[in-house]
Amino acid sequence: MDKKLSIQAKRFKKVREEQRHTQQSFAKILDVGTTTVDIERGKTKIPGKAVMQLLKQFQINPLWLFGESFEQYVSSNNGGVSPKVITINENNEDAILFVNQKAAAGYPHNIQDVDWYQTLPVFNLPLPQFRNATYRGFQVEGDSMLPNIRPNDWVLGRSVPNVSEASDSKIYIVVLHDSVLVKKLQKLSDPSKLRLISLNTDYLPIDVEVSEIQELWQVNSKLSFGVDEPSESGLLKQLQQSMEELKGQIKNLS
């Protein structure tokens, strides 16, 4: 029976499985009813609005979908920065994937590798703040977001479908082609670019092309450990004070 299916039905199913969606959750995202079963069986043609959402959210090339191209993804994301892989729990709900510092280094290069995602821990937070959206956690490396976010803190972000929907001056997890950054976002007069700003004023702003952004997650909470420990800036002040005291002692000895 599968051999009789149209190429668009086969490829539509392929996309759903690659994105790890059920027929029900995929239908909800594409706004095509309650399930995609009739589309995948070839009983119903893929609606135009579903083709549009496949392009917008997953960068699926419409020509590939209908067998007119070998390229599955469009070369430019046009601001589309939806997650490339979504993790679903046993209740068909989005689960929260946690990406530590080591995994974050390889995240941009494995962003569409379903098998790689399965090596990462997944959690469910039964809180109203984490419903009706896709969230992902990333461990912060470096001190560029001090004092608000410290090294080794975890930030939890809500997925943003398109750069145009991002809010100015909010903090985001920005997944580029070669790195994962946590920065405050600033929109520029040139819509093809964004400015990424560190809270630590020792770091200069970074301007990036929208086309360089693979995924965008708006930070809405963080997990912090060792809250009683002095911050890195506090340690630096203590070190500077100790150095001044040592200089005074040496001067008195001379």
Protein backbone atom coordinates (compact mmCIF):
# COMPACT_ATOMS: atom_id res chain seq x y z
CA MET A 1 0.00 0.00 0.00
CA ASP A 2 2.88 2.37 0.83
CA LYS A 3 4.10 2.17 -2.79
CA LYS A 4 0.84 3.74 -3.96
CA LEU A 5 1.27 6.79 -1.76
CA SER A 6 2.14 10.09 -3.40
CA ILE A 7 5.61 11.48 -2.80
CA GLN A 8 4.17 14.44 -0.90
CA ALA A 9 2.35 12.11 1.52
CA LYS A 10 5.56 10.14 2.14
CA ARG A 11 7.66 13.25 2.63
CA PHE A 12 5.06 14.90 4.84
CA LYS A 13 5.20 11.86 7.13
CA LYS A 14 9.00 11.91 7.00
CA VAL A 15 9.06 15.50 8.27
CA ARG A 16 6.66 14.69 11.10
CA GLU A 17 8.73 11.72 12.22
CA GLU A 18 11.99 13.68 12.00
CA GLN A 19 10.45 16.36 14.22
CA ARG A 20 9.28 13.61 16.61
CA HIS A 21 5.64 14.66 16.55
CA THR A 22 2.57 12.50 16.83
CA GLN A 23 -0.10 12.87 14.16
CA GLN A 24 -2.17 14.83 16.67
CA SER A 25 0.54 17.25 17.84
CA PHE A 26 1.72 17.86 14.25
CA ALA A 27 -1.85 18.65 13.15
CA LYS A 28 -2.14 21.18 15.97
CA ILE A 29 1.09 22.95 14.96
CA LEU A 30 0.06 23.08 11.29
CA ASP A 31 -3.58 23.94 12.11
CA VAL A 32 -4.98 21.20 9.86
CA GLY A 33 -7.55 19.64 12.20
CA THR A 34 -7.10 17.02 14.88
CA THR A 35 -4.77 14.57 13.10
CA THR A 36 -2.61 14.23 9.99
CA VAL A 37 -3.56 10.60 9.34
CA ASP A 38 -5.59 11.35 6.15
CA ILE A 39 -2.73 13.41 4.69
CA GLU A 40 -0.22 10.64 5.38
CA ARG A 41 -2.53 8.03 3.84
CA GLY A 42 -2.93 10.15 0.73
CA LYS A 43 -6.66 10.65 1.26
CA THR A 44 -6.29 14.41 1.68
CA LYS A 45 -3.96 16.81 -0.08
CA ILE A 46 -1.60 18.91 2.00
CA PRO A 47 -3.39 22.24 2.60
CA GLY A 48 -1.62 25.38 1.47
CA LYS A 49 -1.49 26.76 5.03
CA ALA A 50 0.27 23.55 6.14
CA VAL A 51 2.88 23.99 3.41
CA MET A 52 3.37 27.56 4.59
CA GLN A 53 3.83 26.46 8.21
CA LEU A 54 6.28 23.72 7.20
CA LEU A 55 8.36 26.37 5.47
CA LYS A 56 8.03 28.95 8.25
CA GLN A 57 8.63 26.68 11.23
CA PHE A 58 10.89 23.93 9.88
CA GLN A 59 12.40 25.50 6.75
CA ILE A 60 10.98 22.69 4.59
CA ASN A 61 11.42 23.40 0.90
CA PRO A 62 7.96 23.20 -0.77
CA LEU A 63 9.58 22.00 -4.01
CA TRP A 64 11.17 19.08 -2.13
CA LEU A 65 7.84 18.31 -0.46
CA PHE A 66 6.21 17.77 -3.88
CA GLY A 67 9.14 15.93 -5.44
CA GLU A 68 10.50 18.82 -7.51
CA SER A 69 13.81 19.24 -5.63
CA PHE A 70 16.42 17.15 -3.81
CA GLU A 71 16.98 19.91 -1.24
CA GLN A 72 14.78 19.28 1.81
CA TYR A 73 15.51 22.63 3.48
CA VAL A 74 15.54 26.14 2.09
CA SER A 75 18.93 27.84 2.21
CA SER A 76 17.69 30.98 4.02
CA ASN A 77 15.59 30.83 7.14
CA ASN A 78 13.90 34.22 6.46
CA GLY A 79 13.74 34.75 10.20
CA GLY A 80 12.33 31.29 10.96
CA VAL A 81 14.06 30.05 14.12
CA SER A 82 11.76 27.30 15.41
CA PRO A 83 13.32 24.25 17.11
CA LYS A 84 14.60 21.73 14.60
CA VAL A 85 13.79 18.79 16.91
CA ILE A 86 11.09 18.66 19.58
CA THR A 87 11.03 16.13 22.42
CA ILE A 88 7.64 14.60 23.30
CA ASN A 89 6.88 12.70 26.51
CA GLU A 90 4.60 9.69 26.90
CA ASN A 91 1.56 12.00 27.17
CA ASN A 92 2.32 13.63 23.80
CA GLU A 93 3.39 16.82 25.57
CA ASP A 94 6.51 18.85 24.93
CA ALA A 95 9.25 17.87 27.36
CA ILE A 96 12.12 20.13 28.40
CA LEU A 97 15.50 19.11 27.01
CA PHE A 98 18.54 20.18 29.07
CA VAL A 99 21.80 21.05 27.29
CA ASN A 100 24.90 21.32 29.49
CA GLN A 101 28.04 23.28 28.61
CA LYS A 102 29.74 20.34 26.89
CA ALA A 103 26.66 19.49 24.84
CA ALA A 104 26.11 23.16 23.97
CA ALA A 105 29.46 23.18 22.15
CA GLY A 106 28.13 20.55 19.74
CA TYR A 107 24.51 21.69 19.69
CA PRO A 108 24.71 23.88 16.54
CA HIS A 109 26.27 21.03 14.55
CA ASN A 110 23.77 18.39 15.73
CA ILE A 111 20.69 20.59 15.60
CA GLN A 112 18.78 18.23 13.28
CA ASP A 113 20.26 14.93 14.54
CA VAL A 114 17.41 13.13 16.33
CA ASP A 115 19.75 10.40 17.65
CA TRP A 116 22.04 13.02 19.23
CA TYR A 117 19.12 14.60 21.09
CA GLN A 118 18.31 11.24 22.65
CA THR A 119 21.62 11.35 24.55
CA LEU A 120 20.50 14.47 26.47
CA PRO A 121 18.42 14.48 29.67
CA VAL A 122 14.73 15.34 29.42
CA PHE A 123 12.48 16.64 32.21
CA ASN A 124 8.90 17.72 32.76
CA LEU A 125 8.10 20.70 34.98
CA PRO A 126 4.42 20.54 36.09
CA LEU A 127 4.14 24.31 36.41
CA PRO A 128 1.71 26.60 34.55
CA GLN A 129 4.63 28.73 33.31
CA PHE A 130 5.84 25.82 31.18
CA ARG A 131 2.60 24.90 29.43
CA ASN A 132 1.43 25.47 25.87
CA ALA A 133 4.91 26.08 24.46
CA THR A 134 8.23 24.37 23.81
CA TYR A 135 11.00 25.03 26.33
CA ARG A 136 14.69 24.12 26.47
CA GLY A 137 17.33 24.52 29.16
CA PHE A 138 20.94 25.57 28.54
CA GLN A 139 23.83 25.78 31.01
CA VAL A 140 25.63 29.12 30.89
CA GLU A 141 29.37 29.29 30.31
CA GLY A 142 31.40 32.43 30.98
CA ASP A 143 30.69 35.67 32.83
CA SER A 144 29.30 37.88 30.05
CA MET A 145 25.84 38.04 31.69
CA LEU A 146 26.95 38.94 35.21
CA PRO A 147 25.53 39.99 37.59
CA ASN A 148 22.10 38.60 36.61
CA ILE A 149 23.25 35.23 35.27
CA ARG A 150 26.34 33.54 36.66
CA PRO A 151 28.64 30.92 35.13
CA ASN A 152 27.15 27.40 35.43
CA ASP A 153 23.59 28.72 35.94
CA TRP A 154 20.87 27.09 33.86
CA VAL A 155 18.52 29.28 31.81
CA LEU A 156 15.16 28.02 30.57
CA GLY A 157 13.87 29.48 27.34
CA ARG A 158 10.60 29.38 25.38
CA SER A 159 10.94 28.75 21.67
CA VAL A 160 10.40 31.68 19.32
CA PRO A 161 9.07 30.71 15.85
CA ASN A 162 10.37 33.75 14.02
CA VAL A 163 12.84 36.55 14.73
CA SER A 164 10.09 39.05 13.95
CA GLU A 165 8.25 37.82 17.06
CA ALA A 166 11.22 38.45 19.37
CA SER A 167 10.88 41.27 21.91
CA ASP A 168 13.45 44.02 22.07
CA SER A 169 15.66 44.19 25.19
CA LYS A 170 14.67 40.69 26.42
CA ILE A 171 17.27 38.01 27.16
CA TYR A 172 17.51 35.14 24.67
CA ILE A 173 19.39 31.93 24.05
CA VAL A 174 20.73 32.48 20.53
CA VAL A 175 21.81 29.41 18.57
CA LEU A 176 24.15 30.41 15.77
CA HIS A 177 25.79 28.09 13.24
CA ASP A 178 28.91 27.73 15.40
CA SER A 179 27.93 28.67 18.97
CA VAL A 180 25.20 29.07 21.58
CA LEU A 181 25.02 32.50 23.27
CA VAL A 182 22.91 33.96 26.06
CA LYS A 183 22.45 37.68 25.34
CA LYS A 184 20.04 40.58 25.52
CA LEU A 185 18.57 41.21 22.09
CA GLN A 186 18.32 44.58 20.38
CA LYS A 187 16.63 45.08 17.03
CA LEU A 188 18.31 47.38 14.53
CA SER A 189 17.05 49.63 11.74
CA ASP A 190 18.41 47.01 9.32
CA PRO A 191 15.94 44.08 9.73
CA SER A 192 18.53 41.62 8.41
CA LYS A 193 20.65 42.10 11.54
CA LEU A 194 20.32 41.88 15.33
CA ARG A 195 22.54 43.20 18.11
CA LEU A 196 23.44 40.87 20.97
CA ILE A 197 24.33 42.67 24.20
CA SER A 198 26.08 41.33 27.31
CA LEU A 199 24.98 42.53 30.75
CA ASN A 200 28.64 42.56 31.78
CA THR A 201 29.91 45.88 30.40
CA ASP A 202 33.38 44.40 29.89
CA TYR A 203 32.00 42.73 26.76
CA LEU A 204 31.22 44.65 23.58
CA PRO A 205 27.93 44.15 21.69
CA ILE A 206 27.87 41.71 18.78
CA ASP A 207 25.95 42.30 15.54
CA VAL A 208 24.80 39.14 13.77
CA GLU A 209 22.92 38.42 10.56
CA VAL A 210 19.42 37.04 11.07
CA SER A 211 20.33 34.32 8.57
CA GLU A 212 23.05 33.11 10.99
CA ILE A 213 20.50 32.32 13.72
CA GLN A 214 19.27 28.72 13.76
CA GLU A 215 17.11 28.82 16.88
CA LEU A 216 15.95 31.47 19.34
CA TRP A 217 14.69 30.86 22.88
CA GLN A 218 13.37 33.65 25.13
CA VAL A 219 14.68 33.20 28.66
CA ASN A 220 11.89 33.21 31.24
CA SER A 221 13.61 31.63 34.26
CA LYS A 222 16.89 30.27 35.56
CA LEU A 223 18.20 27.60 37.90
CA SER A 224 21.04 28.76 40.12
CA PHE A 225 23.14 26.74 42.56
CA GLY A 226 25.46 27.86 45.33
CA VAL A 227 23.48 31.03 45.97
CA ASP A 228 25.40 31.74 49.17
CA GLU A 229 28.72 31.83 47.39
CA PRO A 230 30.17 35.25 46.52
CA SER A 231 29.69 36.27 42.92
CA GLU A 232 32.62 36.36 40.53
CA SER A 233 32.64 40.16 40.67
CA GLY A 234 32.72 39.91 44.48
CA LEU A 235 35.68 37.56 44.34
CA LEU A 236 37.47 39.99 42.05
CA LYS A 237 36.93 42.84 44.49
CA GLN A 238 38.24 40.70 47.35
CA LEU A 239 41.33 39.83 45.32
CA GLN A 240 41.97 43.49 44.47
CA GLN A 241 41.61 44.46 48.13
CA SER A 242 44.04 41.72 49.17
CA MET A 243 46.56 42.91 46.58
CA GLU A 244 46.35 46.48 47.91
CA GLU A 245 46.88 45.25 51.47
CA LEU A 246 49.88 43.20 50.34
CA LYS A 247 51.37 46.23 48.56
CA GLY A 248 50.98 48.27 51.75
CA GLN A 249 52.72 45.59 53.81
CA ILE A 250 55.62 45.41 51.36
CA LYS A 251 55.93 49.20 51.37
CA ASN A 252 56.13 49.26 55.16
CA LEU A 253 58.92 46.69 55.08
CA SER A 254 61.07 48.75 52.72
